[in-house]
PDB file of N, CA and C in Angstrom:
ATOM      1  N   UNK A   1     116.927 101.820 102.558  1.00  0.00           N
ATOM      2  CA  UNK A   1     115.621 101.375 103.438  1.00  0.00           C
ATOM      3  C   UNK A   1     114.623 102.361 103.406  1.00  0.00           C
ATOM      4  N   UNK A   2     113.419 102.016 103.191  1.00  0.00           N
ATOM      5  CA  UNK A   2     112.345 102.856 103.416  1.00  0.00           C
ATOM      6  C   UNK A   2     112.032 102.920 104.596  1.00  0.00           C
ATOM      7  N   UNK A   3     111.100 104.381 105.019  1.00  0.00           N
ATOM      8  CA  UNK A   3     110.940 104.610 106.385  1.00  0.00           C
ATOM      9  C   UNK A   3     109.360 104.820 106.014  1.00  0.00           C
ATOM     10  N   UNK A   4     108.881 103.955 107.090  1.00  0.00           N
ATOM     11  CA  UNK A   4     107.134 103.795 106.959  1.00  0.00           C
ATOM     12  C   UNK A   4     107.111 104.909 108.580  1.00  0.00           C
ATOM     13  N   UNK A   5     106.397 106.007 107.850  1.00  0.00           N
ATOM     14  CA  UNK A   5     105.870 106.975 109.050  1.00  0.00           C
ATOM     15  C   UNK A   5     104.132 106.673 109.619  1.00  0.00           C
ATOM     16  N   UNK A   6     104.343 106.987 111.004  1.00  0.00           N
ATOM     17  CA  UNK A   6     102.335 106.521 111.628  1.00  0.00           C
ATOM     18  C   UNK A   6     101.440 107.300 110.408  1.00  0.00           C
ATOM     19  N   UNK A   7     100.336 106.493 110.730  1.00  0.00           N
ATOM     20  CA  UNK A   7      99.218 107.467 110.153  1.00  0.00           C
ATOM     21  C   UNK A   7      98.867 108.068 111.171  1.00  0.00           C
ATOM     22  N   UNK A   8      98.324 109.006 110.638  1.00  0.00           N
ATOM     23  CA  UNK A   8      97.287 110.172 111.239  1.00  0.00           C
ATOM     24  C   UNK A   8      95.904 109.480 111.565  1.00  0.00           C
ATOM     25  N   UNK A   9      95.844 109.473 113.032  1.00  0.00           N
ATOM     26  CA  UNK A   9      94.215 108.829 113.586  1.00  0.00           C
ATOM     27  C   UNK A   9      93.884 109.934 114.573  1.00  0.00           C
ATOM     28  N   UNK A  10      92.654 110.149 114.445  1.00  0.00           N
ATOM     29  CA  UNK A  10      91.711 111.095 115.344  1.00  0.00           C
ATOM     30  C   UNK A  10      91.965 110.819 116.633  1.00  0.00           C
ATOM     31  N   UNK A  11      92.710 111.719 117.851  1.00  0.00           N
ATOM     32  CA  UNK A  11      92.832 111.376 118.840  1.00  0.00           C
ATOM     33  C   UNK A  11      91.824 110.544 119.948  1.00  0.00           C
ATOM     34  N   UNK A  12      90.435 110.902 119.465  1.00  0.00           N
ATOM     35  CA  UNK A  12      89.306 110.348 120.261  1.00  0.00           C
ATOM     36  C   UNK A  12      89.365 108.844 119.968  1.00  0.00           C
ATOM     37  N   UNK A  13      89.567 108.450 118.480  1.00  0.00           N
ATOM     38  CA  UNK A  13      89.399 107.179 117.984  1.00  0.00           C
ATOM     39  C   UNK A  13      90.676 106.280 118.852  1.00  0.00           C
ATOM     40  N   UNK A  14      91.525 107.084 118.758  1.00  0.00           N
ATOM     41  CA  UNK A  14      93.218 106.127 119.145  1.00  0.00           C
ATOM     42  C   UNK A  14      92.673 105.905 120.477  1.00  0.00           C
ATOM     43  N   UNK A  15      92.200 106.489 121.111  1.00  0.00           N
ATOM     44  CA  UNK A  15      92.251 106.485 122.702  1.00  0.00           C
ATOM     45  C   UNK A  15      91.188 105.134 122.780  1.00  0.00           C
ATOM     46  N   UNK A  16      90.228 105.589 122.177  1.00  0.00           N
ATOM     47  CA  UNK A  16      89.453 104.504 122.256  1.00  0.00           C
ATOM     48  C   UNK A  16      89.637 102.996 121.985  1.00  0.00           C
ATOM     49  N   UNK A  17      90.440 102.794 120.705  1.00  0.00           N
ATOM     50  CA  UNK A  17      90.876 101.588 120.580  1.00  0.00           C
ATOM     51  C   UNK A  17      91.909 100.961 121.317  1.00  0.00           C
ATOM     52  N   UNK A  18      92.757 102.033 121.925  1.00  0.00           N
ATOM     53  CA  UNK A  18      94.117 101.891 122.828  1.00  0.00           C
ATOM     54  C   UNK A  18      93.171 100.962 124.064  1.00  0.00           C
ATOM     55  N   UNK A  19      91.933 101.542 124.593  1.00  0.00           N
ATOM     56  CA  UNK A  19      91.075 100.866 125.663  1.00  0.00           C
ATOM     57  C   UNK A  19      90.605  99.642 125.291  1.00  0.00           C
ATOM     58  N   UNK A  20      89.966  99.756 124.169  1.00  0.00           N
ATOM     59  CA  UNK A  20      89.575  98.372 123.428  1.00  0.00           C
ATOM     60  C   UNK A  20      90.490  97.130 123.482  1.00  0.00           C
ATOM     61  N   UNK A  21      91.762  97.451 123.060  1.00  0.00           N
ATOM     62  CA  UNK A  21      92.837  96.349 122.792  1.00  0.00           C
ATOM     63  C   UNK A  21      93.277  96.024 124.378  1.00  0.00           C
ATOM     64  N   UNK A  22      93.171  96.886 125.187  1.00  0.00           N
ATOM     65  CA  UNK A  22      93.780  96.353 126.649  1.00  0.00           C
ATOM     66  C   UNK A  22      92.547  95.517 127.278  1.00  0.00           C
ATOM     67  N   UNK A  23      90.978  95.886 126.831  1.00  0.00           N
ATOM     68  CA  UNK A  23      90.090  95.065 127.611  1.00  0.00           C
ATOM     69  C   UNK A  23      89.474  93.813 127.103  1.00  0.00           C
ATOM     70  N   UNK A  24      90.128  94.079 125.501  1.00  0.00           N
ATOM     71  CA  UNK A  24      89.204  92.850 124.635  1.00  0.00           C
ATOM     72  C   UNK A  24      90.405  92.091 123.886  1.00  0.00           C
ATOM     73  N   UNK A  25      91.684  92.678 124.061  1.00  0.00           N
ATOM     74  CA  UNK A  25      92.786  92.256 123.397  1.00  0.00           C
ATOM     75  C   UNK A  25      92.269  91.955 122.030  1.00  0.00           C
ATOM     76  N   UNK A  26      92.083  92.980 121.430  1.00  0.00           N
ATOM     77  CA  UNK A  26      92.049  93.215 120.060  1.00  0.00           C
ATOM     78  C   UNK A  26      93.566  93.598 119.027  1.00  0.00           C
ATOM     79  N   UNK A  27      93.675  93.331 118.342  1.00  0.00           N
ATOM     80  CA  UNK A  27      94.924  93.638 117.456  1.00  0.00           C
ATOM     81  C   UNK A  27      94.631  94.881 116.267  1.00  0.00           C
ATOM     82  N   UNK A  28      95.438  95.939 116.119  1.00  0.00           N
ATOM     83  CA  UNK A  28      95.483  96.870 115.560  1.00  0.00           C
ATOM     84  C   UNK A  28      96.421  96.797 114.480  1.00  0.00           C
ATOM     85  N   UNK A  29      96.149  96.783 113.193  1.00  0.00           N
ATOM     86  CA  UNK A  29      96.792  96.890 111.951  1.00  0.00           C
ATOM     87  C   UNK A  29      96.713  98.158 111.206  1.00  0.00           C
ATOM     88  N   UNK A  30      97.852  98.878 111.097  1.00  0.00           N
ATOM     89  CA  UNK A  30      97.856 100.086 110.376  1.00  0.00           C
ATOM     90  C   UNK A  30      98.921  99.767 108.968  1.00  0.00           C
ATOM     91  N   UNK A  31      97.785  99.797 107.909  1.00  0.00           N
ATOM     92  CA  UNK A  31      98.314  99.348 106.700  1.00  0.00           C
ATOM     93  C   UNK A  31      98.567 100.382 105.856  1.00  0.00           C
ATOM     94  N   UNK A  32      99.770 100.378 105.134  1.00  0.00           N
ATOM     95  CA  UNK A  32     100.213 101.449 103.985  1.00  0.00           C
ATOM     96  C   UNK A  32     100.373 100.889 102.668  1.00  0.00           C
ATOM     97  N   UNK A  33      99.350 101.814 101.902  1.00  0.00           N
ATOM     98  CA  UNK A  33      99.550 101.427 100.299  1.00  0.00           C
ATOM     99  C   UNK A  33     100.410 102.517  99.927  1.00  0.00           C
ATOM    100  N   UNK A  34     101.282 102.197  99.392  1.00  0.00           N
ATOM    101  CA  UNK A  34     102.448 102.777  98.948  1.00  0.00           C
ATOM    102  C   UNK A  34     102.229 103.724  97.521  1.00  0.00           C
ATOM    103  N   UNK A  35     102.564 105.429  97.884  1.00  0.00           N
ATOM    104  CA  UNK A  35     102.302 105.939  96.714  1.00  0.00           C
ATOM    105  C   UNK A  35     102.616 105.575  95.049  1.00  0.00           C
ATOM    106  N   UNK A  36     101.784 105.787  94.377  1.00  0.00           N
ATOM    107  CA  UNK A  36     102.068 105.657  92.925  1.00  0.00           C
ATOM    108  C   UNK A  36     101.795 106.737  92.350  1.00  0.00           C
ATOM    109  N   UNK A  37     102.569 106.891  90.872  1.00  0.00           N
ATOM    110  CA  UNK A  37     102.210 108.199  90.111  1.00  0.00           C
ATOM    111  C   UNK A  37     100.964 107.966  89.251  1.00  0.00           C
ATOM    112  N   UNK A  38     100.315 107.198  89.806  1.00  0.00           N
ATOM    113  CA  UNK A  38      98.929 106.691  88.660  1.00  0.00           C
ATOM    114  C   UNK A  38      97.729 107.373  89.289  1.00  0.00           C
ATOM    115  N   UNK A  39      96.664 107.772  88.556  1.00  0.00           N
ATOM    116  CA  UNK A  39      95.120 108.079  89.009  1.00  0.00           C
ATOM    117  C   UNK A  39      94.788 106.897  88.919  1.00  0.00           C
ATOM    118  N   UNK A  40      93.317 106.923  89.762  1.00  0.00           N
ATOM    119  CA  UNK A  40      92.542 105.997  89.360  1.00  0.00           C
ATOM    120  C   UNK A  40      92.671 104.799  90.447  1.00  0.00           C
ATOM    121  N   UNK A  41      93.690 104.818  91.377  1.00  0.00           N
ATOM    122  CA  UNK A  41      94.054 103.482  92.009  1.00  0.00           C
ATOM    123  C   UNK A  41      93.043 103.072  92.928  1.00  0.00           C
ATOM    124  N   UNK A  42      92.375 102.141  92.887  1.00  0.00           N
ATOM    125  CA  UNK A  42      91.015 101.758  93.762  1.00  0.00           C
ATOM    126  C   UNK A  42      91.251 100.633  94.985  1.00  0.00           C
ATOM    127  N   UNK A  43      91.134 100.738  95.844  1.00  0.00           N
ATOM    128  CA  UNK A  43      91.231  99.979  97.089  1.00  0.00           C
ATOM    129  C   UNK A  43      89.787  99.465  97.779  1.00  0.00           C
ATOM    130  N   UNK A  44      90.128  98.261  98.512  1.00  0.00           N
ATOM    131  CA  UNK A  44      88.788  98.033  99.406  1.00  0.00           C
ATOM    132  C   UNK A  44      89.131  96.970 100.479  1.00  0.00           C
ATOM    133  N   UNK A  45      88.307  96.594 101.335  1.00  0.00           N
ATOM    134  CA  UNK A  45      88.698  95.540 102.175  1.00  0.00           C
ATOM    135  C   UNK A  45      87.593  94.823 102.180  1.00  0.00           C
ATOM    136  N   UNK A  46      87.526  93.332 102.108  1.00  0.00           N
ATOM    137  CA  UNK A  46      86.119  92.415 102.278  1.00  0.00           C
ATOM    138  C   UNK A  46      86.279  92.135 103.801  1.00  0.00           C
ATOM    139  N   UNK A  47      85.049  91.985 104.295  1.00  0.00           N
ATOM    140  CA  UNK A  47      84.972  91.689 105.817  1.00  0.00           C
ATOM    141  C   UNK A  47      85.465  90.167 106.143  1.00  0.00           C
ATOM    142  N   UNK A  48      85.803  89.476 105.015  1.00  0.00           N
ATOM    143  CA  UNK A  48      86.197  88.159 105.504  1.00  0.00           C
ATOM    144  C   UNK A  48      87.768  88.202 105.495  1.00  0.00           C
ATOM    145  N   UNK A  49      88.725  89.134 105.724  1.00  0.00           N
ATOM    146  CA  UNK A  49      89.651  89.341 105.889  1.00  0.00           C
ATOM    147  C   UNK A  49      90.383  88.620 107.280  1.00  0.00           C
ATOM    148  N   UNK A  50      91.157  88.354 107.439  1.00  0.00           N
ATOM    149  CA  UNK A  50      91.701  87.701 108.631  1.00  0.00           C
ATOM    150  C   UNK A  50      93.058  87.793 109.149  1.00  0.00           C
ATOM    151  N   UNK A  51      93.494  87.538 110.523  1.00  0.00           N
ATOM    152  CA  UNK A  51      94.758  87.245 110.795  1.00  0.00           C
ATOM    153  C   UNK A  51      94.697  85.958 110.898  1.00  0.00           C
ATOM    154  N   UNK A  52      96.012  84.963 110.431  1.00  0.00           N
ATOM    155  CA  UNK A  52      95.825  83.506 110.391  1.00  0.00           C
ATOM    156  C   UNK A  52      97.388  83.394 111.351  1.00  0.00           C
ATOM    157  N   UNK A  53      96.969  82.705 112.085  1.00  0.00           N
ATOM    158  CA  UNK A  53      98.318  81.738 112.788  1.00  0.00           C
ATOM    159  C   UNK A  53      98.250  80.460 112.451  1.00  0.00           C
ATOM    160  N   UNK A  54      98.822  79.870 111.375  1.00  0.00           N
ATOM    161  CA  UNK A  54      98.986  78.603 110.739  1.00  0.00           C
ATOM    162  C   UNK A  54      99.493  77.332 111.650  1.00  0.00           C
ATOM    163  N   UNK A  55     100.439  77.587 112.375  1.00  0.00           N
ATOM    164  CA  UNK A  55     101.009  76.922 113.299  1.00  0.00           C
ATOM    165  C   UNK A  55      99.856  76.260 114.490  1.00  0.00           C
ATOM    166  N   UNK A  56      99.094  77.579 114.760  1.00  0.00           N
ATOM    167  CA  UNK A  56      98.200  77.398 116.141  1.00  0.00           C
ATOM    168  C   UNK A  56      96.843  76.739 114.880  1.00  0.00           C
ATOM    169  N   UNK A  57      96.696  76.897 114.029  1.00  0.00           N
ATOM    170  CA  UNK A  57      95.500  77.166 113.457  1.00  0.00           C
ATOM    171  C   UNK A  57      94.395  77.925 114.066  1.00  0.00           C
ATOM    172  N   UNK A  58      94.726  79.203 113.815  1.00  0.00           N
ATOM    173  CA  UNK A  58      93.830  79.942 114.513  1.00  0.00           C
ATOM    174  C   UNK A  58      93.582  81.111 113.881  1.00  0.00           C
ATOM    175  N   UNK A  59      92.409  81.530 113.456  1.00  0.00           N
ATOM    176  CA  UNK A  59      92.103  82.768 112.779  1.00  0.00           C
ATOM    177  C   UNK A  59      91.429  83.763 113.446  1.00  0.00           C
ATOM    178  N   UNK A  60      91.829  85.254 113.403  1.00  0.00           N
ATOM    179  CA  UNK A  60      91.197  86.204 113.865  1.00  0.00           C
ATOM    180  C   UNK A  60      90.185  87.073 112.929  1.00  0.00           C
ATOM    181  N   UNK A  61      89.284  87.550 113.331  1.00  0.00           N
ATOM    182  CA  UNK A  61      88.218  88.125 112.185  1.00  0.00           C
ATOM    183  C   UNK A  61      88.258  89.677 112.147  1.00  0.00           C
ATOM    184  N   UNK A  62      88.076  90.102 111.382  1.00  0.00           N
ATOM    185  CA  UNK A  62      88.112  91.658 110.830  1.00  0.00           C
ATOM    186  C   UNK A  62      86.845  92.056 112.116  1.00  0.00           C
ATOM    187  N   UNK A  63      86.926  93.111 112.666  1.00  0.00           N
ATOM    188  CA  UNK A  63      85.794  93.709 113.466  1.00  0.00           C
ATOM    189  C   UNK A  63      85.648  95.307 112.672  1.00  0.00           C
ATOM    190  N   UNK A  64      86.522  95.790 112.653  1.00  0.00           N
ATOM    191  CA  UNK A  64      86.248  97.269 112.232  1.00  0.00           C
ATOM    192  C   UNK A  64      87.633  97.810 111.257  1.00  0.00           C
ATOM    193  N   UNK A  65      87.089  98.532 110.284  1.00  0.00           N
ATOM    194  CA  UNK A  65      88.139  98.979 109.060  1.00  0.00           C
ATOM    195  C   UNK A  65      87.820 100.534 109.285  1.00  0.00           C
ATOM    196  N   UNK A  66      88.885 101.507 109.461  1.00  0.00           N
ATOM    197  CA  UNK A  66      89.139 102.688 109.382  1.00  0.00           C
ATOM    198  C   UNK A  66      89.727 103.127 108.012  1.00  0.00           C
ATOM    199  N   UNK A  67      89.191 104.145 107.186  1.00  0.00           N
ATOM    200  CA  UNK A  67      89.951 104.794 106.213  1.00  0.00           C
ATOM    201  C   UNK A  67      90.124 104.023 105.240  1.00  0.00           C
ATOM    202  N   UNK A  68      89.161 103.146 104.987  1.00  0.00           N
ATOM    203  CA  UNK A  68      89.031 102.234 103.680  1.00  0.00           C
ATOM    204  C   UNK A  68      87.604 101.633 103.595  1.00  0.00           C
ATOM    205  N   UNK A  69      87.068 101.728 102.660  1.00  0.00           N
ATOM    206  CA  UNK A  69      85.862 101.463 102.257  1.00  0.00           C
ATOM    207  C   UNK A  69      85.674  99.444 102.293  1.00  0.00           C
ATOM    208  N   UNK A  70      84.327  98.754 102.667  1.00  0.00           N
ATOM    209  CA  UNK A  70      84.108  97.691 102.610  1.00  0.00           C
ATOM    210  C   UNK A  70      83.791  97.232 101.410  1.00  0.00           C
ATOM    211  N   UNK A  71      84.258  95.898 101.075  1.00  0.00           N
ATOM    212  CA  UNK A  71      83.379  95.273  99.546  1.00  0.00           C
ATOM    213  C   UNK A  71      81.837  95.472  99.685  1.00  0.00           C
ATOM    214  N   UNK A  72      81.220  95.950  98.561  1.00  0.00           N
ATOM    215  CA  UNK A  72      81.830  96.000  97.416  1.00  0.00           C
ATOM    216  C   UNK A  72      81.983  97.464  96.792  1.00  0.00           C
ATOM    217  N   UNK A  73      82.197  98.505  98.092  1.00  0.00           N
ATOM    218  CA  UNK A  73      82.565  99.950  97.589  1.00  0.00           C
ATOM    219  C   UNK A  73      83.963  99.906  97.407  1.00  0.00           C
ATOM    220  N   UNK A  74      84.434 101.207  96.801  1.00  0.00           N
ATOM    221  CA  UNK A  74      85.627 101.250  96.609  1.00  0.00           C
ATOM    222  C   UNK A  74      86.367 102.622  97.238  1.00  0.00           C
ATOM    223  N   UNK A  75      87.566 102.655  97.694  1.00  0.00           N
ATOM    224  CA  UNK A  75      88.470 104.163  98.293  1.00  0.00           C
ATOM    225  C   UNK A  75      89.060 104.443  97.123  1.00  0.00           C
ATOM    226  N   UNK A  76      89.222 105.434  96.857  1.00  0.00           N
ATOM    227  CA  UNK A  76      89.943 105.883  95.557  1.00  0.00           C
ATOM    228  C   UNK A  76      91.637 106.738  96.296  1.00  0.00           C
ATOM    229  N   UNK A  77      92.533 105.869  95.845  1.00  0.00           N
ATOM    230  CA  UNK A  77      93.825 106.433  96.375  1.00  0.00           C
ATOM    231  C   UNK A  77      94.552 107.372  95.568  1.00  0.00           C
ATOM    232  N   UNK A  78      94.634 108.472  96.079  1.00  0.00           N
ATOM    233  CA  UNK A  78      95.367 109.583  95.298  1.00  0.00           C
ATOM    234  C   UNK A  78      96.745 109.079  94.922  1.00  0.00           C
ATOM    235  N   UNK A  79      97.281 110.151  93.992  1.00  0.00           N
ATOM    236  CA  UNK A  79      98.485 109.790  93.068  1.00  0.00           C
ATOM    237  C   UNK A  79      99.469 110.518  94.077  1.00  0.00           C
ATOM    238  N   UNK A  80     100.759 109.854  94.219  1.00  0.00           N
ATOM    239  CA  UNK A  80     101.599 110.587  94.724  1.00  0.00           C
ATOM    240  C   UNK A  80     101.912 110.908  95.914  1.00  0.00           C
ATOM    241  N   UNK A  81     100.790 110.128  96.626  1.00  0.00           N
ATOM    242  CA  UNK A  81     100.445 110.273  98.332  1.00  0.00           C
ATOM    243  C   UNK A  81     100.552 108.642  98.834  1.00  0.00           C
ATOM    244  N   UNK A  82     101.464 108.450  99.942  1.00  0.00           N
ATOM    245  CA  UNK A  82     100.911 107.162 100.837  1.00  0.00           C
ATOM    246  C   UNK A  82      99.726 107.207 101.176  1.00  0.00           C
ATOM    247  N   UNK A  83      98.846 105.926 101.216  1.00  0.00           N
ATOM    248  CA  UNK A  83      97.617 106.020 101.648  1.00  0.00           C
ATOM    249  C   UNK A  83      97.472 105.215 103.038  1.00  0.00           C
ATOM    250  N   UNK A  84      97.290 105.538 104.194  1.00  0.00           N
ATOM    251  CA  UNK A  84      96.629 104.619 105.434  1.00  0.00           C
ATOM    252  C   UNK A  84      95.411 104.152 105.731  1.00  0.00           C
ATOM    253  N   UNK A  85      95.142 102.668 105.950  1.00  0.00           N
ATOM    254  CA  UNK A  85      94.047 102.910 106.600  1.00  0.00           C
ATOM    255  C   UNK A  85      94.514 101.710 107.700  1.00  0.00           C
ATOM    256  N   UNK A  86      93.404 101.612 108.564  1.00  0.00           N
ATOM    257  CA  UNK A  86      93.867 100.759 109.801  1.00  0.00           C
ATOM    258  C   UNK A  86      92.321  99.738 109.764  1.00  0.00           C
ATOM    259  N   UNK A  87      92.897  98.587 110.232  1.00  0.00           N
ATOM    260  CA  UNK A  87      92.115  97.394 110.596  1.00  0.00           C
ATOM    261  C   UNK A  87      92.526  96.853 112.030  1.00  0.00           C
ATOM    262  N   UNK A  88      91.174  96.231 112.732  1.00  0.00           N
ATOM    263  CA  UNK A  88      90.582  96.062 113.687  1.00  0.00           C
ATOM    264  C   UNK A  88      90.406  94.580 113.911  1.00  0.00           C
ATOM    265  N   UNK A  89      91.336  93.648 114.576  1.00  0.00           N
ATOM    266  CA  UNK A  89      90.797  92.274 114.599  1.00  0.00           C
ATOM    267  C   UNK A  89      90.520  91.760 116.205  1.00  0.00           C
ATOM    268  N   UNK A  90      89.733  90.741 116.181  1.00  0.00           N
ATOM    269  CA  UNK A  90      89.746  89.800 117.461  1.00  0.00           C
ATOM    270  C   UNK A  90      91.170  89.531 117.818  1.00  0.00           C
ATOM    271  N   UNK A  91      91.300  89.405 119.050  1.00  0.00           N
ATOM    272  CA  UNK A  91      92.515  89.011 119.624  1.00  0.00           C
ATOM    273  C   UNK A  91      93.377  87.770 119.274  1.00  0.00           C
ATOM    274  N   UNK A  92      94.724  87.669 119.158  1.00  0.00           N
ATOM    275  CA  UNK A  92      95.557  86.136 118.891  1.00  0.00           C
ATOM    276  C   UNK A  92      95.758  85.680 120.085  1.00  0.00           C
ATOM    277  N   UNK A  93      95.501  84.454 120.124  1.00  0.00           N
ATOM    278  CA  UNK A  93      96.024  83.478 121.176  1.00  0.00           C
ATOM    279  C   UNK A  93      97.486  84.136 121.584  1.00  0.00           C
ATOM    280  N   UNK A  94      97.787  83.897 123.297  1.00  0.00           N
ATOM    281  CA  UNK A  94      98.895  84.248 123.724  1.00  0.00           C
ATOM    282  C   UNK A  94     100.120  83.458 123.306  1.00  0.00           C
ATOM    283  N   UNK A  95      99.968  82.293 123.169  1.00  0.00           N
ATOM    284  CA  UNK A  95     101.224  81.387 122.409  1.00  0.00           C
ATOM    285  C   UNK A  95     101.362  82.165 121.024  1.00  0.00           C
ATOM    286  N   UNK A  96     100.876  82.769 120.255  1.00  0.00           N
ATOM    287  CA  UNK A  96     101.022  83.306 118.860  1.00  0.00           C
ATOM    288  C   UNK A  96     102.272  83.805 118.921  1.00  0.00           C
ATOM    289  N   UNK A  97     103.335  83.605 117.713  1.00  0.00           N
ATOM    290  CA  UNK A  97     104.146  84.238 117.971  1.00  0.00           C
ATOM    291  C   UNK A  97     104.676  85.104 116.471  1.00  0.00           C
ATOM    292  N   UNK A  98     103.809  84.593 115.466  1.00  0.00           N
ATOM    293  CA  UNK A  98     103.659  85.155 114.226  1.00  0.00           C
ATOM    294  C   UNK A  98     102.394  84.863 113.502  1.00  0.00           C
ATOM    295  N   UNK A  99     102.136  85.862 112.450  1.00  0.00           N
ATOM    296  CA  UNK A  99     100.907  85.593 111.783  1.00  0.00           C
ATOM    297  C   UNK A  99     101.326  86.193 110.039  1.00  0.00           C
ATOM    298  N   UNK A 100      99.969  85.931 109.556  1.00  0.00           N
ATOM    299  CA  UNK A 100      99.682  86.434 108.365  1.00  0.00           C
ATOM    300  C   UNK A 100      98.357  87.274 108.394  1.00  0.00           C
ATOM    301  N   UNK A 101      98.538  88.384 107.653  1.00  0.00           N
ATOM    302  CA  UNK A 101      97.278  89.170 107.442  1.00  0.00           C
ATOM    303  C   UNK A 101      96.855  88.816 105.828  1.00  0.00           C
ATOM    304  N   UNK A 102      95.386  88.072 105.994  1.00  0.00           N
ATOM    305  CA  UNK A 102      95.059  87.487 104.665  1.00  0.00           C
ATOM    306  C   UNK A 102      93.682  87.787 103.866  1.00  0.00           C
ATOM    307  N   UNK A 103      93.494  88.613 103.281  1.00  0.00           N
ATOM    308  CA  UNK A 103      92.130  88.775 102.759  1.00  0.00           C
ATOM    309  C   UNK A 103      91.346  87.650 102.185  1.00  0.00           C
ATOM    310  N   UNK A 104      90.792  86.998 102.645  1.00  0.00           N
ATOM    311  CA  UNK A 104      90.288  85.802 101.856  1.00  0.00           C
ATOM    312  C   UNK A 104      88.937  86.332 100.682  1.00  0.00           C
ATOM    313  N   UNK A 105      89.113  85.950  99.711  1.00  0.00           N
ATOM    314  CA  UNK A 105      88.301  86.712  98.495  1.00  0.00           C
ATOM    315  C   UNK A 105      88.093  85.713  97.437  1.00  0.00           C
ATOM    316  N   UNK A 106      86.906  85.506  97.009  1.00  0.00           N
ATOM    317  CA  UNK A 106      86.407  84.583  95.284  1.00  0.00           C
ATOM    318  C   UNK A 106      87.185  85.279  94.462  1.00  0.00           C
ATOM    319  N   UNK A 107      88.278  86.070  94.233  1.00  0.00           N
ATOM    320  CA  UNK A 107      88.833  86.767  92.972  1.00  0.00           C
ATOM    321  C   UNK A 107      90.528  87.071  93.275  1.00  0.00           C
ATOM    322  N   UNK A 108      91.124  87.091  92.191  1.00  0.00           N
ATOM    323  CA  UNK A 108      92.540  87.398  92.476  1.00  0.00           C
ATOM    324  C   UNK A 108      92.742  89.006  93.086  1.00  0.00           C
ATOM    325  N   UNK A 109      93.753  89.221  93.762  1.00  0.00           N
ATOM    326  CA  UNK A 109      94.307  90.585  94.382  1.00  0.00           C
ATOM    327  C   UNK A 109      93.650  90.809  95.601  1.00  0.00           C
ATOM    328  N   UNK A 110      93.847  89.687  96.431  1.00  0.00           N
ATOM    329  CA  UNK A 110      93.586  90.183  97.796  1.00  0.00           C
ATOM    330  C   UNK A 110      94.596  90.252  98.515  1.00  0.00           C
ATOM    331  N   UNK A 111      94.787  91.102  99.428  1.00  0.00           N
ATOM    332  CA  UNK A 111      95.975  91.678 100.391  1.00  0.00           C
ATOM    333  C   UNK A 111      96.758  90.372 101.110  1.00  0.00           C
ATOM    334  N   UNK A 112      97.839  89.819 101.327  1.00  0.00           N
ATOM    335  CA  UNK A 112      98.552  89.069 101.806  1.00  0.00           C
ATOM    336  C   UNK A 112      99.737  89.746 102.270  1.00  0.00           C
ATOM    337  N   UNK A 113     100.092  89.787 103.755  1.00  0.00           N
ATOM    338  CA  UNK A 113     101.142  90.080 104.446  1.00  0.00           C
ATOM    339  C   UNK A 113     101.813  89.023 105.255  1.00  0.00           C
ATOM    340  N   UNK A 114     102.526  87.882 104.624  1.00  0.00           N
ATOM    341  CA  UNK A 114     102.793  86.895 105.772  1.00  0.00           C
ATOM    342  C   UNK A 114     103.936  87.208 106.939  1.00  0.00           C
ATOM    343  N   UNK A 115     103.997  86.206 107.719  1.00  0.00           N
ATOM    344  CA  UNK A 115     105.132  86.407 108.910  1.00  0.00           C
ATOM    345  C   UNK A 115     105.256  87.554 109.492  1.00  0.00           C
ATOM    346  N   UNK A 116     104.203  88.225 110.161  1.00  0.00           N
ATOM    347  CA  UNK A 116     104.251  89.375 110.839  1.00  0.00           C
ATOM    348  C   UNK A 116     104.542  88.763 112.284  1.00  0.00           C
ATOM    349  N   UNK A 117     105.749  89.224 112.878  1.00  0.00           N
ATOM    350  CA  UNK A 117     106.034  89.113 114.271  1.00  0.00           C
ATOM    351  C   UNK A 117     105.439  89.595 115.051  1.00  0.00           C
ATOM    352  N   UNK A 118     104.913  88.784 116.275  1.00  0.00           N
ATOM    353  CA  UNK A 118     104.243  89.317 117.102  1.00  0.00           C
ATOM    354  C   UNK A 118     104.747  90.356 118.209  1.00  0.00           C
ATOM    355  N   UNK A 119     104.140  91.127 118.803  1.00  0.00           N
ATOM    356  CA  UNK A 119     104.702  92.233 119.541  1.00  0.00           C
ATOM    357  C   UNK A 119     103.958  92.185 120.773  1.00  0.00           C
ATOM    358  N   UNK A 120     104.383  93.087 122.181  1.00  0.00           N
ATOM    359  CA  UNK A 120     103.806  93.036 123.011  1.00  0.00           C
ATOM    360  C   UNK A 120     102.422  93.832 123.104  1.00  0.00           C
ATOM    361  N   UNK A 121     102.361  94.963 122.188  1.00  0.00           N
ATOM    362  CA  UNK A 121     101.366  95.964 121.869  1.00  0.00           C
ATOM    363  C   UNK A 121     100.430  95.391 121.311  1.00  0.00           C
ATOM    364  N   UNK A 122     100.432  94.650 120.132  1.00  0.00           N
ATOM    365  CA  UNK A 122      99.407  94.012 119.344  1.00  0.00           C
ATOM    366  C   UNK A 122      99.056  95.346 118.352  1.00  0.00           C
ATOM    367  N   UNK A 123      99.804  95.994 118.270  1.00  0.00           N
ATOM    368  CA  UNK A 123      99.829  96.841 117.151  1.00  0.00           C
ATOM    369  C   UNK A 123     100.815  97.227 116.288  1.00  0.00           C
ATOM    370  N   UNK A 124     100.372  96.936 115.132  1.00  0.00           N
ATOM    371  CA  UNK A 124     101.189  96.601 113.864  1.00  0.00           C
ATOM    372  C   UNK A 124     101.317  97.806 112.563  1.00  0.00           C
ATOM    373  N   UNK A 125     102.431  97.665 112.025  1.00  0.00           N
ATOM    374  CA  UNK A 125     102.408  98.778 110.684  1.00  0.00           C
ATOM    375  C   UNK A 125     102.858  97.990 109.450  1.00  0.00           C
ATOM    376  N   UNK A 126     102.054  97.526 108.540  1.00  0.00           N
ATOM    377  CA  UNK A 126     102.502  96.834 107.638  1.00  0.00           C
ATOM    378  C   UNK A 126     102.704  97.409 106.132  1.00  0.00           C
ATOM    379  N   UNK A 127     103.467  96.838 105.175  1.00  0.00           N
ATOM    380  CA  UNK A 127     102.982  97.956 103.569  1.00  0.00           C
ATOM    381  C   UNK A 127     102.311  96.426 103.146  1.00  0.00           C
ATOM    382  N   UNK A 128     101.366  96.897 102.058  1.00  0.00           N
ATOM    383  CA  UNK A 128     100.315  96.084 101.603  1.00  0.00           C
ATOM    384  C   UNK A 128     101.069  96.164 100.148  1.00  0.00           C
TER     385      UNK A 128
END
């Protein structure tokens, strides 16, 4: 079983995000792009990335990304090192039980993580 460790986020930013999560019911998703032995891996996030609850027909929009470039720019991923980035979304409806992380883009290769189980904190760790 693979162990996923928490990303390192500056304390000031983390405190700021915690406060916003409580006040504005935002959702924080820490994403792991696993290590590979290859040089030249590039990743980016599109601003059209969403959290979707297909049962309720609700979508949460991306409001902030940390440690990853927005389209059209790229972030280089170093070889042999797990790479973490953080996404902040608008809040999920209170009736939501599970949701998908979906990068809605006009090309192949978008991130998609299905069936993320809702928790009480609305802070998640997923593997891309």
